[in-house]
């Protein structure tokens, strides 16, 4: 006599916000851009690290986390972003709309 035992898979673990932070591949670059606040205050003219979802740049200005910015890449492409972190003059920005693979390649080609 055999009895069937219903076995259900364990629920998939939910990723923590910490593990979610760097899902996109990041690339060290030196790309000329214009990063400014939405009010037009210039912040930076170079991106030093980029992924589909964000970028790092330098600015001597102290900015609050969450400050909205605009990054203008070459050929007129632009994206809205916000300050995710700042350590000294290094600023990490999260793009509100990620770059496509083609857009990322285009940006990195300079």
Protein backbone atom coordinates (compact mmCIF):
# COMPACT_ATOMS: atom_id res chain seq x y z
CA UNK A 1 0.00 0.00 0.00
CA UNK A 2 1.52 3.33 -1.02
CA UNK A 3 0.34 6.74 -0.11
CA UNK A 4 0.99 9.71 -2.31
CA UNK A 5 2.42 12.75 -0.62
CA UNK A 6 1.90 16.04 -2.37
CA UNK A 7 5.18 17.87 -2.55
CA UNK A 8 5.09 21.51 -3.44
CA UNK A 9 8.17 23.49 -4.40
CA UNK A 10 9.33 26.05 -1.89
CA UNK A 11 8.53 29.60 -2.86
CA UNK A 12 11.35 31.35 -4.65
CA UNK A 13 13.27 33.66 -2.35
CA UNK A 14 12.57 37.32 -2.91
CA UNK A 15 15.69 39.26 -3.80
CA UNK A 16 16.65 41.79 -1.17
CA UNK A 17 17.09 45.40 -2.25
CA UNK A 18 20.82 44.97 -1.60
CA UNK A 19 21.15 42.01 -4.01
CA UNK A 20 19.01 43.85 -6.56
CA UNK A 21 21.32 46.85 -6.78
CA UNK A 22 23.79 45.60 -9.36
CA UNK A 23 21.96 43.30 -11.73
CA UNK A 24 23.18 45.13 -14.84
CA UNK A 25 26.77 44.77 -16.01
CA UNK A 26 28.81 47.90 -15.31
CA UNK A 27 31.53 49.31 -17.54
CA UNK A 28 34.32 51.75 -16.70
CA UNK A 29 34.27 54.43 -19.38
CA UNK A 30 35.18 58.03 -20.05
CA UNK A 31 32.21 59.42 -21.96
CA UNK A 32 31.55 63.11 -22.53
CA UNK A 33 28.05 64.04 -21.38
CA UNK A 34 26.13 66.89 -19.83
CA UNK A 35 24.67 66.08 -16.43
CA UNK A 36 22.54 68.82 -14.92
CA UNK A 37 19.75 69.29 -12.42
CA UNK A 38 16.28 69.61 -13.91
CA UNK A 39 16.65 73.36 -13.25
CA UNK A 40 19.67 73.46 -15.59
CA UNK A 41 22.45 73.68 -12.97
CA UNK A 42 25.48 71.89 -14.54
CA UNK A 43 26.91 69.06 -12.45
CA UNK A 44 29.29 67.03 -14.59
CA UNK A 45 30.62 66.62 -18.11
CA UNK A 46 31.88 63.04 -17.91
CA UNK A 47 30.44 59.63 -17.06
CA UNK A 48 33.09 57.31 -15.60
CA UNK A 49 31.03 54.15 -15.15
CA UNK A 50 27.82 53.07 -16.85
CA UNK A 51 25.27 50.28 -17.00
CA UNK A 52 21.86 49.98 -18.60
CA UNK A 53 20.29 51.22 -15.37
CA UNK A 54 22.63 53.93 -14.15
CA UNK A 55 25.93 55.75 -14.21
CA UNK A 56 28.64 57.32 -12.06
CA UNK A 57 30.03 60.80 -12.55
CA UNK A 58 32.00 63.37 -10.53
CA UNK A 59 30.77 66.67 -9.16
CA UNK A 60 32.17 68.92 -6.45
CA UNK A 61 28.62 69.94 -5.56
CA UNK A 62 26.96 68.26 -2.57
CA UNK A 63 23.61 66.86 -3.64
CA UNK A 64 20.77 65.21 -1.79
CA UNK A 65 19.88 61.60 -2.47
CA UNK A 66 16.82 61.60 -4.73
CA UNK A 67 17.73 64.85 -6.54
CA UNK A 68 16.45 64.59 -10.11
CA UNK A 69 18.95 65.12 -12.91
CA UNK A 70 19.12 64.95 -16.68
CA UNK A 71 21.99 63.33 -18.57
CA UNK A 72 22.51 64.31 -22.20
CA UNK A 73 24.53 61.82 -24.21
CA UNK A 74 25.90 62.47 -27.70
CA UNK A 75 23.55 62.54 -30.69
CA UNK A 76 20.86 64.21 -28.58
CA UNK A 77 19.93 61.15 -26.52
CA UNK A 78 18.93 62.06 -22.99
CA UNK A 79 17.54 60.39 -19.91
CA UNK A 80 16.13 61.51 -16.61
CA UNK A 81 17.75 60.04 -13.52
CA UNK A 82 18.05 60.63 -9.79
CA UNK A 83 20.94 60.69 -7.36
CA UNK A 84 21.14 57.27 -5.69
CA UNK A 85 24.29 58.00 -3.66
CA UNK A 86 27.18 60.42 -3.27
CA UNK A 87 30.56 59.72 -1.69
CA UNK A 88 32.86 62.72 -1.84
CA UNK A 89 32.76 63.91 -5.44
CA UNK A 90 31.54 60.55 -6.83
CA UNK A 91 27.84 60.47 -7.62
CA UNK A 92 25.80 57.40 -8.54
CA UNK A 93 22.68 58.02 -10.59
CA UNK A 94 19.84 55.66 -11.37
CA UNK A 95 18.16 56.10 -14.76
CA UNK A 96 14.37 56.33 -14.65
CA UNK A 97 14.21 54.45 -17.96
CA UNK A 98 17.05 51.98 -18.57
CA UNK A 99 19.13 52.13 -21.72
CA UNK A 100 18.50 49.42 -24.29
CA UNK A 101 21.46 47.21 -25.26
CA UNK A 102 21.82 49.20 -28.50
CA UNK A 103 21.70 52.55 -26.69
CA UNK A 104 24.27 51.39 -24.14
CA UNK A 105 26.60 50.23 -26.93
CA UNK A 106 26.12 53.55 -28.71
CA UNK A 107 26.90 55.54 -25.56
CA UNK A 108 30.02 53.49 -24.84
CA UNK A 109 31.24 53.96 -28.41
CA UNK A 110 31.30 57.65 -27.59
